[in-house]
Amino acid sequence: MTKKLYKSRRDVKLDGVCGGIAEYMGLDSTLVRLIWALFVVFGGSGIFLYIICAVLMPREPEYVIEDYRDMRQDSHEN
């Protein structure tokens, strides 16, 4: 299975962009949000980039969420 970049449905603050990037890269979403905030404060490009990502990145499909829930339930049952 190949990794794909999606806006997250599980880790959403505004539109799920940072949560999706964090899931894709295997990072904590708080770290991604902090880095994004630094781009906004120090460069100003963060707002523009976020809007572009929010428009262009697809939303995570529902079946991915269901697979994730099934995996979590299986791991908690053991």
PDB file of N, CA and C in Angstrom:
ATOM      1  N   MET A   1       0.850  -1.187   0.000  1.00  0.00           N
ATOM      2  CA  MET A   1       0.000   0.000   0.000  1.00  0.00           C
ATOM      3  C   MET A   1       0.889   1.242   0.000  1.00  0.00           C
ATOM      4  N   THR A   2       0.637   2.158  -0.904  1.00  0.00           N
ATOM      5  CA  THR A   2       1.422   3.380  -0.986  1.00  0.00           C
ATOM      6  C   THR A   2       0.830   4.451  -0.086  1.00  0.00           C
ATOM      7  N   LYS A   3       1.719   5.286   0.444  1.00  0.00           N
ATOM      8  CA  LYS A   3       1.259   6.398   1.269  1.00  0.00           C
ATOM      9  C   LYS A   3       0.773   7.511   0.367  1.00  0.00           C
ATOM     10  N   LYS A   4      -0.327   8.130   0.759  1.00  0.00           N
ATOM     11  CA  LYS A   4      -0.858   9.270   0.019  1.00  0.00           C
ATOM     12  C   LYS A   4      -1.110  10.408   0.993  1.00  0.00           C
ATOM     13  N   LEU A   5      -0.957  11.611   0.498  1.00  0.00           N
ATOM     14  CA  LEU A   5      -1.160  12.799   1.318  1.00  0.00           C
ATOM     15  C   LEU A   5      -2.619  13.222   1.233  1.00  0.00           C
ATOM     16  N   TYR A   6      -3.293  13.191   2.383  1.00  0.00           N
ATOM     17  CA  TYR A   6      -4.687  13.593   2.491  1.00  0.00           C
ATOM     18  C   TYR A   6      -4.851  14.570   3.643  1.00  0.00           C
ATOM     19  N   LYS A   7      -5.909  15.370   3.588  1.00  0.00           N
ATOM     20  CA  LYS A   7      -6.311  16.136   4.757  1.00  0.00           C
ATOM     21  C   LYS A   7      -6.906  15.138   5.746  1.00  0.00           C
ATOM     22  N   SER A   8      -6.521  15.253   6.991  1.00  0.00           N
ATOM     23  CA  SER A   8      -6.948  14.298   8.005  1.00  0.00           C
ATOM     24  C   SER A   8      -8.412  14.491   8.385  1.00  0.00           C
ATOM     25  N   ARG A   9      -9.086  13.393   8.670  1.00  0.00           N
ATOM     26  CA  ARG A   9     -10.440  13.443   9.225  1.00  0.00           C
ATOM     27  C   ARG A   9     -10.409  13.243  10.743  1.00  0.00           C
ATOM     28  N   ARG A  10      -9.304  12.718  11.260  1.00  0.00           N
ATOM     29  CA  ARG A  10      -9.194  12.434  12.692  1.00  0.00           C
ATOM     30  C   ARG A  10      -8.563  13.587  13.465  1.00  0.00           C
ATOM     31  N   ASP A  11      -7.607  14.257  12.854  1.00  0.00           N
ATOM     32  CA  ASP A  11      -6.826  15.286  13.542  1.00  0.00           C
ATOM     33  C   ASP A  11      -7.068  16.630  12.862  1.00  0.00           C
ATOM     34  N   VAL A  12      -8.181  17.258  13.200  1.00  0.00           N
ATOM     35  CA  VAL A  12      -8.613  18.475  12.502  1.00  0.00           C
ATOM     36  C   VAL A  12      -8.699  19.636  13.480  1.00  0.00           C
ATOM     37  N   LYS A  13      -8.078  20.751  13.122  1.00  0.00           N
ATOM     38  CA  LYS A  13      -8.261  22.010  13.856  1.00  0.00           C
ATOM     39  C   LYS A  13      -8.978  23.012  12.960  1.00  0.00           C
ATOM     40  N   LEU A  14      -8.441  23.266  11.771  1.00  0.00           N
ATOM     41  CA  LEU A  14      -9.112  24.139  10.809  1.00  0.00           C
ATOM     42  C   LEU A  14      -9.709  23.309   9.677  1.00  0.00           C
ATOM     43  N   ASP A  15      -8.825  22.697   8.885  1.00  0.00           N
ATOM     44  CA  ASP A  15      -9.318  21.904   7.754  1.00  0.00           C
ATOM     45  C   ASP A  15      -8.634  20.549   7.650  1.00  0.00           C
ATOM     46  N   GLY A  16      -7.739  20.212   8.566  1.00  0.00           N
ATOM     47  CA  GLY A  16      -7.071  18.916   8.565  1.00  0.00           C
ATOM     48  C   GLY A  16      -5.772  18.872   7.794  1.00  0.00           C
ATOM     49  N   VAL A  17      -5.289  20.016   7.321  1.00  0.00           N
ATOM     50  CA  VAL A  17      -4.063  20.055   6.526  1.00  0.00           C
ATOM     51  C   VAL A  17      -2.858  19.647   7.369  1.00  0.00           C
ATOM     52  N   CYS A  18      -2.660  20.277   8.497  1.00  0.00           N
ATOM     53  CA  CYS A  18      -1.506  19.954   9.349  1.00  0.00           C
ATOM     54  C   CYS A  18      -1.593  18.532   9.876  1.00  0.00           C
ATOM     55  N   GLY A  19      -2.786  18.097  10.243  1.00  0.00           N
ATOM     56  CA  GLY A  19      -2.960  16.723  10.696  1.00  0.00           C
ATOM     57  C   GLY A  19      -2.623  15.724   9.611  1.00  0.00           C
ATOM     58  N   GLY A  20      -3.015  16.014   8.387  1.00  0.00           N
ATOM     59  CA  GLY A  20      -2.708  15.143   7.258  1.00  0.00           C
ATOM     60  C   GLY A  20      -1.223  15.095   6.952  1.00  0.00           C
ATOM     61  N   ILE A  21      -0.569  16.235   7.003  1.00  0.00           N
ATOM     62  CA  ILE A  21       0.872  16.280   6.768  1.00  0.00           C
ATOM     63  C   ILE A  21       1.603  15.512   7.864  1.00  0.00           C
ATOM     64  N   ALA A  22       1.164  15.679   9.106  1.00  0.00           N
ATOM     65  CA  ALA A  22       1.780  14.964  10.226  1.00  0.00           C
ATOM     66  C   ALA A  22       1.614  13.453  10.083  1.00  0.00           C
ATOM     67  N   GLU A  23       0.430  12.999   9.700  1.00  0.00           N
ATOM     68  CA  GLU A  23       0.209  11.567   9.494  1.00  0.00           C
ATOM     69  C   GLU A  23       1.080  11.040   8.358  1.00  0.00           C
ATOM     70  N   TYR A  24       1.185  11.779   7.288  1.00  0.00           N
ATOM     71  CA  TYR A  24       1.970  11.371   6.130  1.00  0.00           C
ATOM     72  C   TYR A  24       3.454  11.259   6.477  1.00  0.00           C
ATOM     73  N   MET A  25       3.964  12.223   7.247  1.00  0.00           N
ATOM     74  CA  MET A  25       5.390  12.264   7.573  1.00  0.00           C
ATOM     75  C   MET A  25       5.732  11.492   8.845  1.00  0.00           C
ATOM     76  N   GLY A  26       4.723  11.035   9.579  1.00  0.00           N
ATOM     77  CA  GLY A  26       4.971  10.296  10.808  1.00  0.00           C
ATOM     78  C   GLY A  26       5.422  11.182  11.951  1.00  0.00           C
ATOM     79  N   LEU A  27       4.942  12.409  11.967  1.00  0.00           N
ATOM     80  CA  LEU A  27       5.299  13.378  13.003  1.00  0.00           C
ATOM     81  C   LEU A  27       4.103  13.667  13.896  1.00  0.00           C
ATOM     82  N   ASP A  28       4.364  14.337  14.994  1.00  0.00           N
ATOM     83  CA  ASP A  28       3.293  14.803  15.861  1.00  0.00           C
ATOM     84  C   ASP A  28       2.645  16.031  15.213  1.00  0.00           C
ATOM     85  N   SER A  29       1.328  16.060  15.227  1.00  0.00           N
ATOM     86  CA  SER A  29       0.631  17.166  14.563  1.00  0.00           C
ATOM     87  C   SER A  29       0.892  18.504  15.245  1.00  0.00           C
ATOM     88  N   THR A  30       1.167  18.493  16.526  1.00  0.00           N
ATOM     89  CA  THR A  30       1.481  19.742  17.230  1.00  0.00           C
ATOM     90  C   THR A  30       2.767  20.346  16.683  1.00  0.00           C
ATOM     91  N   LEU A  31       3.746  19.515  16.388  1.00  0.00           N
ATOM     92  CA  LEU A  31       5.006  19.994  15.822  1.00  0.00           C
ATOM     93  C   LEU A  31       4.774  20.611  14.442  1.00  0.00           C
ATOM     94  N   VAL A  32       3.961  19.968  13.623  1.00  0.00           N
ATOM     95  CA  VAL A  32       3.665  20.504  12.291  1.00  0.00           C
ATOM     96  C   VAL A  32       2.938  21.841  12.413  1.00  0.00           C
ATOM     97  N   ARG A  33       1.991  21.933  13.333  1.00  0.00           N
ATOM     98  CA  ARG A  33       1.259  23.193  13.530  1.00  0.00           C
ATOM     99  C   ARG A  33       2.190  24.305  14.030  1.00  0.00           C
ATOM    100  N   LEU A  34       3.132  23.951  14.890  1.00  0.00           N
ATOM    101  CA  LEU A  34       4.086  24.943  15.392  1.00  0.00           C
ATOM    102  C   LEU A  34       4.974  25.455  14.265  1.00  0.00           C
ATOM    103  N   ILE A  35       5.470  24.547  13.433  1.00  0.00           N
ATOM    104  CA  ILE A  35       6.297  24.958  12.293  1.00  0.00           C
ATOM    105  C   ILE A  35       5.486  25.838  11.349  1.00  0.00           C
ATOM    106  N   TRP A  36       4.222  25.455  11.124  1.00  0.00           N
ATOM    107  CA  TRP A  36       3.353  26.251  10.238  1.00  0.00           C
ATOM    108  C   TRP A  36       3.141  27.653  10.821  1.00  0.00           C
ATOM    109  N   ALA A  37       2.949  27.730  12.129  1.00  0.00           N
ATOM    110  CA  ALA A  37       2.760  29.034  12.781  1.00  0.00           C
ATOM    111  C   ALA A  37       4.007  29.902  12.641  1.00  0.00           C
ATOM    112  N   LEU A  38       5.187  29.283  12.700  1.00  0.00           N
ATOM    113  CA  LEU A  38       6.426  30.044  12.507  1.00  0.00           C
ATOM    114  C   LEU A  38       6.503  30.610  11.089  1.00  0.00           C
ATOM    115  N   PHE A  39       6.056  29.836  10.103  1.00  0.00           N
ATOM    116  CA  PHE A  39       6.008  30.355   8.728  1.00  0.00           C
ATOM    117  C   PHE A  39       5.067  31.554   8.636  1.00  0.00           C
ATOM    118  N   VAL A  40       3.956  31.498   9.346  1.00  0.00           N
ATOM    119  CA  VAL A  40       2.991  32.602   9.311  1.00  0.00           C
ATOM    120  C   VAL A  40       3.591  33.847   9.956  1.00  0.00           C
ATOM    121  N   VAL A  41       4.194  33.673  11.130  1.00  0.00           N
ATOM    122  CA  VAL A  41       4.707  34.817  11.889  1.00  0.00           C
ATOM    123  C   VAL A  41       5.941  35.436  11.232  1.00  0.00           C
ATOM    124  N   PHE A  42       6.886  34.596  10.819  1.00  0.00           N
ATOM    125  CA  PHE A  42       8.160  35.138  10.347  1.00  0.00           C
ATOM    126  C   PHE A  42       8.241  35.360   8.847  1.00  0.00           C
ATOM    127  N   GLY A  43       7.456  34.649   8.080  1.00  0.00           N
ATOM    128  CA  GLY A  43       7.552  34.830   6.641  1.00  0.00           C
ATOM    129  C   GLY A  43       6.276  35.338   6.008  1.00  0.00           C
ATOM    130  N   GLY A  44       5.159  35.045   6.646  1.00  0.00           N
ATOM    131  CA  GLY A  44       3.888  35.445   6.086  1.00  0.00           C
ATOM    132  C   GLY A  44       3.376  34.509   5.004  1.00  0.00           C
ATOM    133  N   SER A  45       4.249  33.600   4.550  1.00  0.00           N
ATOM    134  CA  SER A  45       3.851  32.689   3.476  1.00  0.00           C
ATOM    135  C   SER A  45       2.986  31.541   3.985  1.00  0.00           C
ATOM    136  N   GLY A  46       2.939  31.331   5.279  1.00  0.00           N
ATOM    137  CA  GLY A  46       2.188  30.221   5.852  1.00  0.00           C
ATOM    138  C   GLY A  46       0.698  30.289   5.578  1.00  0.00           C
ATOM    139  N   ILE A  47       0.133  31.468   5.616  1.00  0.00           N
ATOM    140  CA  ILE A  47      -1.305  31.624   5.360  1.00  0.00           C
ATOM    141  C   ILE A  47      -1.613  31.268   3.910  1.00  0.00           C
ATOM    142  N   PHE A  48      -0.805  31.792   3.006  1.00  0.00           N
ATOM    143  CA  PHE A  48      -0.990  31.522   1.583  1.00  0.00           C
ATOM    144  C   PHE A  48      -0.833  30.030   1.288  1.00  0.00           C
ATOM    145  N   LEU A  49       0.200  29.405   1.854  1.00  0.00           N
ATOM    146  CA  LEU A  49       0.425  27.976   1.662  1.00  0.00           C
ATOM    147  C   LEU A  49      -0.708  27.129   2.233  1.00  0.00           C
ATOM    148  N   TYR A  50      -1.217  27.525   3.398  1.00  0.00           N
ATOM    149  CA  TYR A  50      -2.307  26.765   4.014  1.00  0.00           C
ATOM    150  C   TYR A  50      -3.551  26.796   3.133  1.00  0.00           C
ATOM    151  N   ILE A  51      -3.865  27.958   2.600  1.00  0.00           N
ATOM    152  CA  ILE A  51      -5.039  28.080   1.725  1.00  0.00           C
ATOM    153  C   ILE A  51      -4.864  27.216   0.482  1.00  0.00           C
ATOM    154  N   ILE A  52      -3.677  27.233  -0.101  1.00  0.00           N
ATOM    155  CA  ILE A  52      -3.413  26.398  -1.278  1.00  0.00           C
ATOM    156  C   ILE A  52      -3.571  24.918  -0.936  1.00  0.00           C
ATOM    157  N   CYS A  53      -2.996  24.491   0.191  1.00  0.00           N
ATOM    158  CA  CYS A  53      -3.104  23.083   0.602  1.00  0.00           C
ATOM    159  C   CYS A  53      -4.552  22.709   0.914  1.00  0.00           C
ATOM    160  N   ALA A  54      -5.286  23.599   1.561  1.00  0.00           N
ATOM    161  CA  ALA A  54      -6.677  23.313   1.898  1.00  0.00           C
ATOM    162  C   ALA A  54      -7.523  23.116   0.645  1.00  0.00           C
ATOM    163  N   VAL A  55      -7.189  23.836  -0.413  1.00  0.00           N
ATOM    164  CA  VAL A  55      -7.951  23.719  -1.657  1.00  0.00           C
ATOM    165  C   VAL A  55      -7.506  22.498  -2.470  1.00  0.00           C
ATOM    166  N   LEU A  56      -6.203  22.256  -2.540  1.00  0.00           N
ATOM    167  CA  LEU A  56      -5.681  21.222  -3.422  1.00  0.00           C
ATOM    168  C   LEU A  56      -5.625  19.820  -2.817  1.00  0.00           C
ATOM    169  N   MET A  57      -5.384  19.716  -1.520  1.00  0.00           N
ATOM    170  CA  MET A  57      -5.262  18.391  -0.900  1.00  0.00           C
ATOM    171  C   MET A  57      -6.632  17.723  -0.806  1.00  0.00           C
ATOM    172  N   PRO A  58      -6.732  16.467  -1.218  1.00  0.00           N
ATOM    173  CA  PRO A  58      -8.020  15.770  -1.096  1.00  0.00           C
ATOM    174  C   PRO A  58      -8.293  15.363   0.346  1.00  0.00           C
ATOM    175  N   ARG A  59      -9.554  15.244   0.685  1.00  0.00           N
ATOM    176  CA  ARG A  59      -9.967  14.775   2.008  1.00  0.00           C
ATOM    177  C   ARG A  59      -9.707  13.275   2.094  1.00  0.00           C
ATOM    178  N   GLU A  60      -9.283  12.818   3.243  1.00  0.00           N
ATOM    179  CA  GLU A  60      -9.036  11.396   3.468  1.00  0.00           C
ATOM    180  C   GLU A  60     -10.307  10.591   3.212  1.00  0.00           C
ATOM    181  N   PRO A  61     -10.236   9.527   2.419  1.00  0.00           N
ATOM    182  CA  PRO A  61     -11.439   8.737   2.133  1.00  0.00           C
ATOM    183  C   PRO A  61     -11.991   8.058   3.383  1.00  0.00           C
ATOM    184  N   GLU A  62     -13.271   7.797   3.386  1.00  0.00           N
ATOM    185  CA  GLU A  62     -13.928   7.177   4.539  1.00  0.00           C
ATOM    186  C   GLU A  62     -13.372   5.794   4.833  1.00  0.00           C
ATOM    187  N   TYR A  63     -13.064   5.008   3.798  1.00  0.00           N
ATOM    188  CA  TYR A  63     -12.613   3.643   4.040  1.00  0.00           C
ATOM    189  C   TYR A  63     -11.288   3.611   4.799  1.00  0.00           C
ATOM    190  N   VAL A  64     -10.470   4.631   4.659  1.00  0.00           N
ATOM    191  CA  VAL A  64      -9.218   4.693   5.409  1.00  0.00           C
ATOM    192  C   VAL A  64      -9.530   4.852   6.885  1.00  0.00           C
ATOM    193  N   ILE A  65     -10.527   5.646   7.227  1.00  0.00           N
ATOM    194  CA  ILE A  65     -10.941   5.834   8.611  1.00  0.00           C
ATOM    195  C   ILE A  65     -11.441   4.517   9.190  1.00  0.00           C
ATOM    196  N   GLU A  66     -12.263   3.801   8.438  1.00  0.00           N
ATOM    197  CA  GLU A  66     -12.807   2.537   8.920  1.00  0.00           C
ATOM    198  C   GLU A  66     -11.701   1.521   9.133  1.00  0.00           C
ATOM    199  N   ASP A  67     -10.712   1.452   8.231  1.00  0.00           N
ATOM    200  CA  ASP A  67      -9.584   0.543   8.402  1.00  0.00           C
ATOM    201  C   ASP A  67      -8.799   0.894   9.654  1.00  0.00           C
ATOM    202  N   TYR A  68      -8.612   2.202   9.901  1.00  0.00           N
ATOM    203  CA  TYR A  68      -7.883   2.669  11.075  1.00  0.00           C
ATOM    204  C   TYR A  68      -8.624   2.266  12.354  1.00  0.00           C
ATOM    205  N   ARG A  69      -9.938   2.435  12.374  1.00  0.00           N
ATOM    206  CA  ARG A  69     -10.728   2.048  13.542  1.00  0.00           C
ATOM    207  C   ARG A  69     -10.636   0.545  13.788  1.00  0.00           C
ATOM    208  N   ASP A  70     -10.707  -0.239  12.717  1.00  0.00           N
ATOM    209  CA  ASP A  70     -10.603  -1.691  12.853  1.00  0.00           C
ATOM    210  C   ASP A  70      -9.246  -2.088  13.418  1.00  0.00           C
ATOM    211  N   MET A  71      -8.180  -1.451  12.951  1.00  0.00           N
ATOM    212  CA  MET A  71      -6.847  -1.760  13.449  1.00  0.00           C
ATOM    213  C   MET A  71      -6.730  -1.415  14.925  1.00  0.00           C
ATOM    214  N   ARG A  72      -7.281  -0.277  15.334  1.00  0.00           N
ATOM    215  CA  ARG A  72      -7.203   0.124  16.740  1.00  0.00           C
ATOM    216  C   ARG A  72      -8.001  -0.820  17.618  1.00  0.00           C
ATOM    217  N   GLN A  73      -9.173  -1.227  17.168  1.00  0.00           N
ATOM    218  CA  GLN A  73      -9.986  -2.154  17.956  1.00  0.00           C
ATOM    219  C   GLN A  73      -9.288  -3.496  18.101  1.00  0.00           C
ATOM    220  N   ASP A  74      -8.665  -3.989  17.030  1.00  0.00           N
ATOM    221  CA  ASP A  74      -7.938  -5.245  17.084  1.00  0.00           C
ATOM    222  C   ASP A  74      -6.781  -5.181  18.056  1.00  0.00           C
ATOM    223  N   SER A  75      -6.060  -4.050  18.083  1.00  0.00           N
ATOM    224  CA  SER A  75      -4.912  -3.924  18.982  1.00  0.00           C
ATOM    225  C   SER A  75      -5.349  -3.795  20.444  1.00  0.00           C
ATOM    226  N   HIS A  76      -6.516  -3.219  20.704  1.00  0.00           N
ATOM    227  CA  HIS A  76      -6.996  -3.080  22.074  1.00  0.00           C
ATOM    228  C   HIS A  76      -7.586  -4.381  22.603  1.00  0.00           C
ATOM    229  N   GLU A  77      -8.056  -5.246  21.709  1.00  0.00           N
ATOM    230  CA  GLU A  77      -8.647  -6.495  22.144  1.00  0.00           C
ATOM    231  C   GLU A  77      -7.595  -7.496  22.569  1.00  0.00           C
ATOM    232  N   ASN A  78      -6.364  -7.356  22.076  1.00  0.00           N
ATOM    233  CA  ASN A  78      -5.291  -8.315  22.411  1.00  0.00           C
ATOM    234  C   ASN A  78      -4.664  -8.011  23.717  1.00  0.00           C
TER     235      ASN A  78
END
